[in-house]
Amino acid sequence: MTWEQLERSCLECKRCGLAYGRTNVVIGRGSKTAPVMIVGEGPGQKEDEMGLPFVGMAGELLNLALESLGFSEKDYYIANVVKCRPENNRTPTDEECEKCLPYLRAQFTLIRPKIIVCLGNVATKAMIDKSFQVSKVRGIWYSKKGTLFMATYHPAALLRDESKKIHMWEDLRKVKIRLDEGFDT
C-alpha cells in the first residue's frame, strides 16, 4: 500500500459509526520516514476541525515536551488508533479501534519506525498488549518484532493531573536517549 492509497482508503472509510460524525479524517502528521512513531487514541474537536492530530491543548503540551527534549520534527510521526473523532471526545470502543487498526498498521508498515510511543491506555492496549494499563507499564521498554515500544500518559491526562507531567517527560527523555544512541545492532 502507498501513502496515497492509505489516505484515500481513510477518507472513504465507513467501517464504523465514527465516519458519520466526522468533519475530517485525521490520518497523521510529521515525517513519513521518522524513527519514532507517536500514537494517541483519537482526534478531539480541534483535530477534527483541522484534520491533524494533536493540535489542541494536549497537542501543545506534547509539542512543548518534544521540543524541550530536543526532538526534531524529522524524528517523529504522530497518528491515532482511530482516525475519526468519537462524539463528545469519548474513549473509542474496542470495536471502533479494531475497525481502524488496519490503517494504523499500514502507517507503521510505510514508516518502519524503530520506536513506538503509546500515549494513554487506548494506544497502549492496541499496540502493546490488551491487558496493559498505562499507569502500571509506563516508562518500560517492550520489544516486538524488532520494534521498541514504550507507553506513557496521554497529554490530555496531564491537563487533568499535573503530577503526571514529570512521568511523561521522563518517559519521552528515555525515548530521546535511545534515539540518540542509534539502532545499529
N, C-alpha and C. Protein backbone atom coordinates (compact mmCIF):
# COMPACT_ATOMS: atom_id res chain seq x y z
N MET A 1 0.85 -1.18 0.00
CA MET A 1 0.00 0.00 0.00
C MET A 1 0.90 1.24 0.00
N THR A 2 0.53 2.23 -0.78
CA THR A 2 1.26 3.50 -0.81
C THR A 2 0.57 4.50 0.12
N TRP A 3 1.25 5.62 0.39
CA TRP A 3 0.62 6.67 1.20
C TRP A 3 -0.66 7.18 0.55
N GLU A 4 -0.63 7.32 -0.77
CA GLU A 4 -1.82 7.81 -1.48
C GLU A 4 -2.99 6.84 -1.32
N GLN A 5 -2.71 5.55 -1.43
CA GLN A 5 -3.76 4.54 -1.26
C GLN A 5 -4.29 4.54 0.17
N LEU A 6 -3.39 4.64 1.13
CA LEU A 6 -3.80 4.68 2.54
C LEU A 6 -4.69 5.89 2.80
N GLU A 7 -4.26 7.05 2.36
CA GLU A 7 -5.04 8.27 2.59
C GLU A 7 -6.40 8.19 1.92
N ARG A 8 -6.45 7.67 0.72
CA ARG A 8 -7.72 7.53 0.01
C ARG A 8 -8.65 6.57 0.76
N SER A 9 -8.10 5.45 1.22
CA SER A 9 -8.89 4.48 1.98
C SER A 9 -9.45 5.10 3.25
N CYS A 10 -8.62 5.85 3.96
CA CYS A 10 -9.08 6.51 5.19
C CYS A 10 -10.20 7.51 4.89
N LEU A 11 -10.01 8.30 3.85
CA LEU A 11 -11.01 9.33 3.51
C LEU A 11 -12.34 8.71 3.09
N GLU A 12 -12.29 7.53 2.50
CA GLU A 12 -13.51 6.86 2.03
C GLU A 12 -14.11 5.92 3.07
N CYS A 13 -13.44 5.74 4.19
CA CYS A 13 -13.83 4.73 5.18
C CYS A 13 -15.21 4.99 5.79
N LYS A 14 -15.97 3.89 5.89
CA LYS A 14 -17.25 3.91 6.59
C LYS A 14 -17.38 2.61 7.40
N ARG A 15 -16.26 2.11 7.91
CA ARG A 15 -16.22 0.85 8.64
C ARG A 15 -16.98 0.89 9.95
N CYS A 16 -17.10 2.09 10.54
CA CYS A 16 -17.81 2.20 11.82
C CYS A 16 -18.58 3.51 11.86
N GLY A 17 -19.35 3.67 12.91
CA GLY A 17 -20.20 4.85 13.04
C GLY A 17 -19.47 6.17 13.20
N LEU A 18 -18.19 6.13 13.57
CA LEU A 18 -17.44 7.38 13.73
C LEU A 18 -17.38 8.16 12.42
N ALA A 19 -17.43 7.46 11.29
CA ALA A 19 -17.34 8.12 9.99
C ALA A 19 -18.48 9.11 9.76
N TYR A 20 -19.60 8.86 10.39
CA TYR A 20 -20.79 9.66 10.10
C TYR A 20 -20.87 10.94 10.93
N GLY A 21 -19.98 11.10 11.91
CA GLY A 21 -19.98 12.30 12.71
C GLY A 21 -18.75 13.16 12.52
N ARG A 22 -17.88 12.73 11.64
CA ARG A 22 -16.61 13.45 11.48
C ARG A 22 -16.74 14.66 10.57
N THR A 23 -15.88 15.62 10.83
CA THR A 23 -15.69 16.74 9.91
C THR A 23 -14.55 16.39 8.96
N ASN A 24 -13.46 15.86 9.54
CA ASN A 24 -12.28 15.45 8.78
C ASN A 24 -11.77 14.11 9.29
N VAL A 25 -11.12 13.38 8.41
CA VAL A 25 -10.38 12.20 8.80
C VAL A 25 -9.01 12.71 9.24
N VAL A 26 -8.55 12.24 10.39
CA VAL A 26 -7.28 12.68 10.94
C VAL A 26 -6.28 11.53 10.79
N ILE A 27 -5.46 11.61 9.77
CA ILE A 27 -4.57 10.50 9.44
C ILE A 27 -3.25 10.58 10.20
N GLY A 28 -2.56 11.68 10.14
CA GLY A 28 -1.29 11.81 10.84
C GLY A 28 -0.56 13.07 10.43
N ARG A 29 0.55 13.32 11.14
CA ARG A 29 1.42 14.45 10.78
C ARG A 29 2.83 14.13 11.21
N GLY A 30 3.76 14.71 10.50
CA GLY A 30 5.17 14.51 10.83
C GLY A 30 5.91 13.86 9.68
N SER A 31 7.13 13.42 9.98
CA SER A 31 8.00 12.82 8.98
C SER A 31 7.56 11.40 8.67
N LYS A 32 7.38 11.12 7.40
CA LYS A 32 6.96 9.79 6.97
C LYS A 32 8.13 8.82 6.89
N THR A 33 9.30 9.27 7.33
CA THR A 33 10.47 8.40 7.44
C THR A 33 11.04 8.46 8.86
N ALA A 34 10.22 8.85 9.81
CA ALA A 34 10.67 9.08 11.19
C ALA A 34 11.07 7.78 11.89
N PRO A 35 12.08 7.86 12.75
CA PRO A 35 12.42 6.69 13.55
C PRO A 35 11.49 6.46 14.73
N VAL A 36 10.69 7.49 15.08
CA VAL A 36 9.77 7.38 16.21
C VAL A 36 8.34 7.65 15.72
N MET A 37 7.43 6.76 16.10
CA MET A 37 6.01 6.95 15.81
C MET A 37 5.30 7.13 17.14
N ILE A 38 4.54 8.20 17.27
CA ILE A 38 3.80 8.51 18.49
C ILE A 38 2.33 8.26 18.19
N VAL A 39 1.69 7.44 19.04
CA VAL A 39 0.31 7.03 18.77
C VAL A 39 -0.59 7.40 19.95
N GLY A 40 -1.63 8.17 19.65
CA GLY A 40 -2.65 8.51 20.64
C GLY A 40 -3.91 7.70 20.39
N GLU A 41 -5.00 8.10 21.06
CA GLU A 41 -6.22 7.30 20.90
C GLU A 41 -7.08 7.75 19.74
N GLY A 42 -7.36 9.04 19.63
CA GLY A 42 -8.21 9.52 18.55
C GLY A 42 -8.29 11.03 18.57
N PRO A 43 -8.79 11.60 17.50
CA PRO A 43 -8.87 13.05 17.41
C PRO A 43 -9.92 13.65 18.34
N GLY A 44 -9.62 14.84 18.82
CA GLY A 44 -10.59 15.63 19.56
C GLY A 44 -11.24 16.63 18.64
N GLN A 45 -11.96 17.58 19.21
CA GLN A 45 -12.69 18.57 18.41
C GLN A 45 -11.77 19.39 17.51
N LYS A 46 -10.69 19.92 18.07
CA LYS A 46 -9.77 20.76 17.30
C LYS A 46 -9.11 19.96 16.18
N GLU A 47 -8.76 18.72 16.48
CA GLU A 47 -8.15 17.85 15.48
C GLU A 47 -9.13 17.53 14.36
N ASP A 48 -10.38 17.28 14.73
CA ASP A 48 -11.42 17.00 13.74
C ASP A 48 -11.63 18.22 12.84
N GLU A 49 -11.59 19.40 13.42
CA GLU A 49 -11.76 20.64 12.63
C GLU A 49 -10.60 20.86 11.67
N MET A 50 -9.37 20.60 12.14
CA MET A 50 -8.18 20.91 11.34
C MET A 50 -7.69 19.74 10.49
N GLY A 51 -8.13 18.51 10.83
CA GLY A 51 -7.69 17.34 10.08
C GLY A 51 -6.28 16.89 10.41
N LEU A 52 -5.76 17.30 11.58
CA LEU A 52 -4.42 16.94 12.02
C LEU A 52 -4.45 16.47 13.47
N PRO A 53 -3.62 15.48 13.83
CA PRO A 53 -3.60 15.00 15.22
C PRO A 53 -2.82 15.93 16.13
N PHE A 54 -3.25 15.97 17.38
CA PHE A 54 -2.55 16.68 18.45
C PHE A 54 -2.28 18.15 18.11
N VAL A 55 -3.34 18.87 17.81
CA VAL A 55 -3.22 20.31 17.56
C VAL A 55 -3.98 21.13 18.59
N GLY A 56 -4.68 20.47 19.51
CA GLY A 56 -5.38 21.16 20.58
C GLY A 56 -4.46 21.37 21.78
N MET A 57 -5.04 21.56 22.95
CA MET A 57 -4.26 21.82 24.16
C MET A 57 -3.33 20.64 24.50
N ALA A 58 -3.81 19.42 24.36
CA ALA A 58 -2.96 18.26 24.62
C ALA A 58 -1.80 18.22 23.63
N GLY A 59 -2.08 18.56 22.39
CA GLY A 59 -1.03 18.61 21.37
C GLY A 59 0.02 19.67 21.66
N GLU A 60 -0.43 20.81 22.15
CA GLU A 60 0.52 21.87 22.53
C GLU A 60 1.44 21.38 23.63
N LEU A 61 0.88 20.66 24.60
CA LEU A 61 1.69 20.12 25.69
C LEU A 61 2.68 19.08 25.16
N LEU A 62 2.23 18.21 24.27
CA LEU A 62 3.12 17.21 23.66
C LEU A 62 4.24 17.91 22.89
N ASN A 63 3.88 18.90 22.09
CA ASN A 63 4.89 19.63 21.31
C ASN A 63 5.93 20.28 22.22
N LEU A 64 5.48 20.88 23.33
CA LEU A 64 6.41 21.50 24.28
C LEU A 64 7.38 20.46 24.85
N ALA A 65 6.86 19.30 25.22
CA ALA A 65 7.70 18.24 25.77
C ALA A 65 8.73 17.78 24.73
N LEU A 66 8.28 17.56 23.51
CA LEU A 66 9.19 17.09 22.46
C LEU A 66 10.27 18.14 22.18
N GLU A 67 9.87 19.40 22.09
CA GLU A 67 10.83 20.48 21.83
C GLU A 67 11.83 20.61 22.98
N SER A 68 11.34 20.55 24.22
CA SER A 68 12.23 20.72 25.37
C SER A 68 13.27 19.61 25.47
N LEU A 69 12.93 18.44 24.92
CA LEU A 69 13.86 17.31 24.96
C LEU A 69 14.77 17.25 23.73
N GLY A 70 14.58 18.18 22.81
CA GLY A 70 15.45 18.25 21.64
C GLY A 70 15.05 17.38 20.47
N PHE A 71 13.81 16.92 20.44
CA PHE A 71 13.34 16.19 19.28
C PHE A 71 13.22 17.15 18.10
N SER A 72 13.61 16.69 16.95
CA SER A 72 13.44 17.44 15.71
C SER A 72 12.15 16.95 15.05
N GLU A 73 11.54 17.78 14.22
CA GLU A 73 10.31 17.36 13.53
C GLU A 73 10.56 16.15 12.62
N LYS A 74 11.78 15.96 12.18
CA LYS A 74 12.09 14.79 11.34
C LYS A 74 12.18 13.50 12.15
N ASP A 75 12.19 13.63 13.49
CA ASP A 75 12.34 12.47 14.37
C ASP A 75 11.06 11.70 14.58
N TYR A 76 9.91 12.31 14.34
CA TYR A 76 8.67 11.63 14.72
C TYR A 76 7.52 11.83 13.73
N TYR A 77 6.61 10.88 13.80
CA TYR A 77 5.34 10.91 13.07
C TYR A 77 4.27 10.66 14.12
N ILE A 78 3.20 11.43 14.10
CA ILE A 78 2.13 11.31 15.09
C ILE A 78 0.85 10.84 14.41
N ALA A 79 0.24 9.83 15.01
CA ALA A 79 -1.02 9.28 14.50
C ALA A 79 -1.90 8.88 15.68
N ASN A 80 -3.07 8.39 15.39
CA ASN A 80 -4.00 7.91 16.41
C ASN A 80 -4.49 6.51 16.05
N VAL A 81 -4.99 5.81 17.05
CA VAL A 81 -5.58 4.50 16.80
C VAL A 81 -6.80 4.65 15.90
N VAL A 82 -7.73 5.55 16.26
CA VAL A 82 -8.88 5.82 15.39
C VAL A 82 -8.66 7.13 14.66
N LYS A 83 -9.16 7.20 13.46
CA LYS A 83 -8.90 8.34 12.58
C LYS A 83 -10.05 9.35 12.57
N CYS A 84 -11.15 9.03 13.23
CA CYS A 84 -12.30 9.93 13.29
C CYS A 84 -12.65 10.23 14.74
N ARG A 85 -13.15 11.40 14.99
CA ARG A 85 -13.45 11.84 16.36
C ARG A 85 -14.67 11.12 16.93
N PRO A 86 -14.50 10.47 18.09
CA PRO A 86 -15.66 9.96 18.81
C PRO A 86 -16.46 11.15 19.36
N GLU A 87 -17.78 11.06 19.30
CA GLU A 87 -18.61 12.17 19.75
C GLU A 87 -18.31 12.51 21.21
N ASN A 88 -18.31 13.81 21.48
CA ASN A 88 -18.04 14.34 22.82
C ASN A 88 -16.68 13.90 23.38
N ASN A 89 -15.76 13.59 22.48
CA ASN A 89 -14.40 13.17 22.86
C ASN A 89 -14.37 11.95 23.78
N ARG A 90 -15.37 11.09 23.66
CA ARG A 90 -15.38 9.88 24.48
C ARG A 90 -14.25 8.95 24.03
N THR A 91 -13.94 7.98 24.87
CA THR A 91 -12.94 6.97 24.53
C THR A 91 -13.50 6.08 23.42
N PRO A 92 -12.72 5.81 22.38
CA PRO A 92 -13.22 4.91 21.33
C PRO A 92 -13.47 3.51 21.89
N THR A 93 -14.48 2.85 21.35
CA THR A 93 -14.78 1.49 21.78
C THR A 93 -13.75 0.52 21.20
N ASP A 94 -13.70 -0.67 21.78
CA ASP A 94 -12.80 -1.71 21.26
C ASP A 94 -13.12 -2.01 19.79
N GLU A 95 -14.40 -2.05 19.48
CA GLU A 95 -14.82 -2.33 18.09
C GLU A 95 -14.35 -1.24 17.14
N GLU A 96 -14.49 0.02 17.54
CA GLU A 96 -14.02 1.13 16.69
C GLU A 96 -12.52 1.05 16.49
N CYS A 97 -11.80 0.72 17.55
CA CYS A 97 -10.34 0.58 17.44
C CYS A 97 -9.98 -0.55 16.47
N GLU A 98 -10.65 -1.67 16.60
CA GLU A 98 -10.38 -2.82 15.72
C GLU A 98 -10.62 -2.47 14.25
N LYS A 99 -11.68 -1.71 14.00
CA LYS A 99 -12.01 -1.34 12.61
C LYS A 99 -10.95 -0.43 12.01
N CYS A 100 -10.29 0.37 12.85
CA CYS A 100 -9.31 1.34 12.38
C CYS A 100 -7.87 0.83 12.41
N LEU A 101 -7.62 -0.22 13.16
CA LEU A 101 -6.25 -0.71 13.31
C LEU A 101 -5.55 -1.04 11.99
N PRO A 102 -6.25 -1.54 10.96
CA PRO A 102 -5.53 -1.78 9.70
C PRO A 102 -4.89 -0.52 9.12
N TYR A 103 -5.49 0.63 9.35
CA TYR A 103 -4.90 1.88 8.87
C TYR A 103 -3.64 2.22 9.65
N LEU A 104 -3.68 2.04 10.96
CA LEU A 104 -2.51 2.30 11.79
C LEU A 104 -1.38 1.32 11.44
N ARG A 105 -1.75 0.08 11.21
CA ARG A 105 -0.73 -0.92 10.81
C ARG A 105 -0.11 -0.54 9.47
N ALA A 106 -0.92 -0.03 8.55
CA ALA A 106 -0.39 0.40 7.26
C ALA A 106 0.56 1.58 7.44
N GLN A 107 0.22 2.51 8.32
CA GLN A 107 1.12 3.62 8.60
C GLN A 107 2.45 3.09 9.15
N PHE A 108 2.37 2.15 10.07
CA PHE A 108 3.58 1.55 10.64
C PHE A 108 4.41 0.90 9.53
N THR A 109 3.78 0.16 8.65
CA THR A 109 4.49 -0.53 7.57
C THR A 109 5.16 0.47 6.64
N LEU A 110 4.51 1.57 6.36
CA LEU A 110 5.08 2.58 5.47
C LEU A 110 6.23 3.35 6.13
N ILE A 111 6.11 3.62 7.41
CA ILE A 111 7.12 4.42 8.12
C ILE A 111 8.29 3.56 8.58
N ARG A 112 8.01 2.38 9.08
CA ARG A 112 9.00 1.48 9.65
C ARG A 112 9.79 2.14 10.79
N PRO A 113 9.08 2.66 11.80
CA PRO A 113 9.77 3.30 12.92
C PRO A 113 10.54 2.28 13.76
N LYS A 114 11.54 2.76 14.45
CA LYS A 114 12.31 1.92 15.36
C LYS A 114 11.67 1.90 16.75
N ILE A 115 10.95 2.99 17.06
CA ILE A 115 10.31 3.15 18.37
C ILE A 115 8.87 3.59 18.17
N ILE A 116 7.96 3.01 18.96
CA ILE A 116 6.57 3.49 19.01
C ILE A 116 6.29 3.91 20.44
N VAL A 117 5.83 5.15 20.58
CA VAL A 117 5.42 5.68 21.88
C VAL A 117 3.90 5.67 21.91
N CYS A 118 3.34 4.95 22.88
CA CYS A 118 1.89 4.83 23.02
C CYS A 118 1.42 5.81 24.10
N LEU A 119 0.57 6.73 23.71
CA LEU A 119 0.06 7.74 24.63
C LEU A 119 -1.29 7.31 25.18
N GLY A 120 -1.32 6.90 26.43
CA GLY A 120 -2.57 6.53 27.09
C GLY A 120 -2.95 5.07 26.92
N ASN A 121 -4.04 4.71 27.60
CA ASN A 121 -4.48 3.31 27.64
C ASN A 121 -4.91 2.76 26.29
N VAL A 122 -5.65 3.54 25.52
CA VAL A 122 -6.17 3.03 24.24
C VAL A 122 -5.02 2.61 23.33
N ALA A 123 -4.04 3.49 23.17
CA ALA A 123 -2.90 3.18 22.30
C ALA A 123 -2.07 2.05 22.87
N THR A 124 -1.88 2.05 24.19
CA THR A 124 -1.09 1.00 24.84
C THR A 124 -1.72 -0.36 24.63
N LYS A 125 -3.03 -0.45 24.81
CA LYS A 125 -3.73 -1.73 24.63
C LYS A 125 -3.73 -2.15 23.15
N ALA A 126 -3.89 -1.21 22.25
CA ALA A 126 -3.93 -1.53 20.82
C ALA A 126 -2.57 -1.93 20.28
N MET A 127 -1.52 -1.31 20.79
CA MET A 127 -0.20 -1.50 20.20
C MET A 127 0.70 -2.49 20.96
N ILE A 128 0.55 -2.58 22.28
CA ILE A 128 1.47 -3.44 23.04
C ILE A 128 0.76 -4.70 23.55
N ASP A 129 -0.26 -4.51 24.40
CA ASP A 129 -0.93 -5.66 25.00
C ASP A 129 -2.28 -5.21 25.53
N LYS A 130 -3.33 -5.95 25.15
CA LYS A 130 -4.70 -5.58 25.55
C LYS A 130 -4.90 -5.56 27.06
N SER A 131 -4.05 -6.27 27.80
CA SER A 131 -4.23 -6.33 29.25
C SER A 131 -3.50 -5.20 30.00
N PHE A 132 -2.71 -4.42 29.29
CA PHE A 132 -1.89 -3.40 29.94
C PHE A 132 -2.70 -2.17 30.36
N GLN A 133 -2.28 -1.55 31.45
CA GLN A 133 -2.77 -0.25 31.89
C GLN A 133 -1.57 0.67 31.93
N VAL A 134 -1.69 1.83 31.30
CA VAL A 134 -0.54 2.72 31.17
C VAL A 134 0.05 3.09 32.52
N SER A 135 -0.76 3.22 33.55
CA SER A 135 -0.24 3.60 34.86
C SER A 135 0.68 2.54 35.46
N LYS A 136 0.55 1.30 35.00
CA LYS A 136 1.37 0.20 35.52
C LYS A 136 2.57 -0.13 34.64
N VAL A 137 2.52 0.25 33.35
CA VAL A 137 3.58 -0.15 32.43
C VAL A 137 4.33 1.03 31.81
N ARG A 138 3.97 2.24 32.17
CA ARG A 138 4.61 3.40 31.55
C ARG A 138 6.11 3.41 31.86
N GLY A 139 6.87 3.89 30.88
CA GLY A 139 8.31 4.03 31.06
C GLY A 139 9.11 2.76 30.89
N ILE A 140 8.46 1.65 30.58
CA ILE A 140 9.14 0.36 30.43
C ILE A 140 9.25 0.04 28.93
N TRP A 141 10.43 -0.38 28.52
CA TRP A 141 10.62 -0.78 27.12
C TRP A 141 10.05 -2.17 26.88
N TYR A 142 9.36 -2.31 25.75
CA TYR A 142 8.88 -3.60 25.27
C TYR A 142 9.38 -3.74 23.83
N SER A 143 9.72 -4.94 23.46
CA SER A 143 10.21 -5.20 22.11
C SER A 143 9.29 -6.20 21.42
N LYS A 144 8.88 -5.87 20.21
CA LYS A 144 8.05 -6.75 19.41
C LYS A 144 8.57 -6.72 17.97
N LYS A 145 9.03 -7.85 17.51
CA LYS A 145 9.47 -8.00 16.12
C LYS A 145 10.44 -6.89 15.69
N GLY A 146 11.39 -6.59 16.55
CA GLY A 146 12.42 -5.62 16.20
C GLY A 146 12.06 -4.16 16.42
N THR A 147 10.89 -3.89 16.94
CA THR A 147 10.46 -2.52 17.23
C THR A 147 10.35 -2.35 18.74
N LEU A 148 10.85 -1.24 19.24
CA LEU A 148 10.73 -0.93 20.66
C LEU A 148 9.45 -0.15 20.90
N PHE A 149 8.77 -0.48 21.99
CA PHE A 149 7.53 0.19 22.37
C PHE A 149 7.68 0.74 23.78
N MET A 150 7.10 1.91 24.01
CA MET A 150 7.02 2.46 25.35
C MET A 150 5.67 3.14 25.52
N ALA A 151 5.04 2.86 26.64
CA ALA A 151 3.78 3.52 26.98
C ALA A 151 4.06 4.69 27.92
N THR A 152 3.28 5.73 27.79
CA THR A 152 3.32 6.85 28.72
C THR A 152 1.94 7.47 28.78
N TYR A 153 1.79 8.42 29.67
CA TYR A 153 0.49 9.08 29.82
C TYR A 153 0.14 9.90 28.58
N HIS A 154 -1.13 9.96 28.28
CA HIS A 154 -1.63 10.82 27.22
C HIS A 154 -1.54 12.26 27.72
N PRO A 155 -1.13 13.20 26.88
CA PRO A 155 -1.04 14.59 27.33
C PRO A 155 -2.35 15.15 27.89
N ALA A 156 -3.49 14.65 27.42
CA ALA A 156 -4.77 15.12 27.96
C ALA A 156 -4.90 14.76 29.44
N ALA A 157 -4.34 13.62 29.84
CA ALA A 157 -4.37 13.23 31.25
C ALA A 157 -3.55 14.20 32.09
N LEU A 158 -2.49 14.74 31.51
CA LEU A 158 -1.65 15.71 32.22
C LEU A 158 -2.37 17.03 32.44
N LEU A 159 -3.28 17.35 31.54
CA LEU A 159 -4.07 18.58 31.70
C LEU A 159 -5.03 18.45 32.89
N ARG A 160 -5.41 17.21 33.20
CA ARG A 160 -6.30 16.96 34.34
C ARG A 160 -5.54 16.70 35.63
N ASP A 161 -4.30 16.19 35.51
CA ASP A 161 -3.50 15.84 36.69
C ASP A 161 -2.04 16.21 36.41
N GLU A 162 -1.64 17.39 36.83
CA GLU A 162 -0.30 17.89 36.52
C GLU A 162 0.82 17.06 37.14
N SER A 163 0.52 16.26 38.16
CA SER A 163 1.56 15.45 38.78
C SER A 163 2.10 14.39 37.81
N LYS A 164 1.38 14.11 36.75
CA LYS A 164 1.82 13.11 35.77
C LYS A 164 2.80 13.69 34.74
N LYS A 165 2.94 15.01 34.71
CA LYS A 165 3.81 15.64 33.71
C LYS A 165 5.24 15.14 33.79
N ILE A 166 5.77 15.04 35.00
CA ILE A 166 7.16 14.61 35.16
C ILE A 166 7.35 13.19 34.65
N HIS A 167 6.34 12.34 34.82
CA HIS A 167 6.43 10.96 34.35
C HIS A 167 6.48 10.91 32.82
N MET A 168 5.61 11.66 32.17
CA MET A 168 5.62 11.67 30.71
C MET A 168 6.95 12.23 30.20
N TRP A 169 7.43 13.30 30.84
CA TRP A 169 8.69 13.90 30.43
C TRP A 169 9.83 12.89 30.59
N GLU A 170 9.86 12.18 31.71
CA GLU A 170 10.90 11.16 31.93
C GLU A 170 10.83 10.05 30.88
N ASP A 171 9.62 9.63 30.55
CA ASP A 171 9.44 8.57 29.54
C ASP A 171 9.93 9.04 28.17
N LEU A 172 9.54 10.25 27.78
CA LEU A 172 9.98 10.78 26.49
C LEU A 172 11.49 11.02 26.48
N ARG A 173 12.05 11.35 27.63
CA ARG A 173 13.50 11.51 27.74
C ARG A 173 14.20 10.19 27.45
N LYS A 174 13.66 9.08 27.95
CA LYS A 174 14.21 7.75 27.65
C LYS A 174 14.18 7.48 26.15
N VAL A 175 13.08 7.88 25.52
CA VAL A 175 12.94 7.69 24.07
C VAL A 175 14.01 8.50 23.34
N LYS A 176 14.21 9.74 23.76
CA LYS A 176 15.20 10.61 23.12
C LYS A 176 16.61 10.05 23.30
N ILE A 177 16.92 9.56 24.49
CA ILE A 177 18.24 8.96 24.73
C ILE A 177 18.45 7.77 23.81
N ARG A 178 17.44 6.92 23.71
CA ARG A 178 17.54 5.74 22.84
C ARG A 178 17.68 6.16 21.38
N LEU A 179 16.94 7.17 20.97
CA LEU A 179 17.03 7.68 19.61
C LEU A 179 18.44 8.20 19.32
N ASP A 180 19.01 8.93 20.27
CA ASP A 180 20.35 9.48 20.09
C ASP A 180 21.43 8.40 20.09
N GLU A 181 21.18 7.28 20.77
CA GLU A 181 22.13 6.17 20.80
C GLU A 181 22.23 5.47 19.45
N GLY A 182 21.16 5.54 18.67
CA GLY A 182 21.13 4.86 17.38
C GLY A 182 20.57 3.45 17.50
N PHE A 183 20.49 2.78 16.36
CA PHE A 183 19.79 1.49 16.34
C PHE A 183 20.60 0.39 15.66
N ASP A 184 21.88 0.62 15.43
CA ASP A 184 22.68 -0.44 14.83
C ASP A 184 22.87 -1.56 15.83
N THR A 185 22.79 -2.80 15.34
CA THR A 185 22.99 -3.94 16.24
C THR A 185 24.28 -4.66 15.94
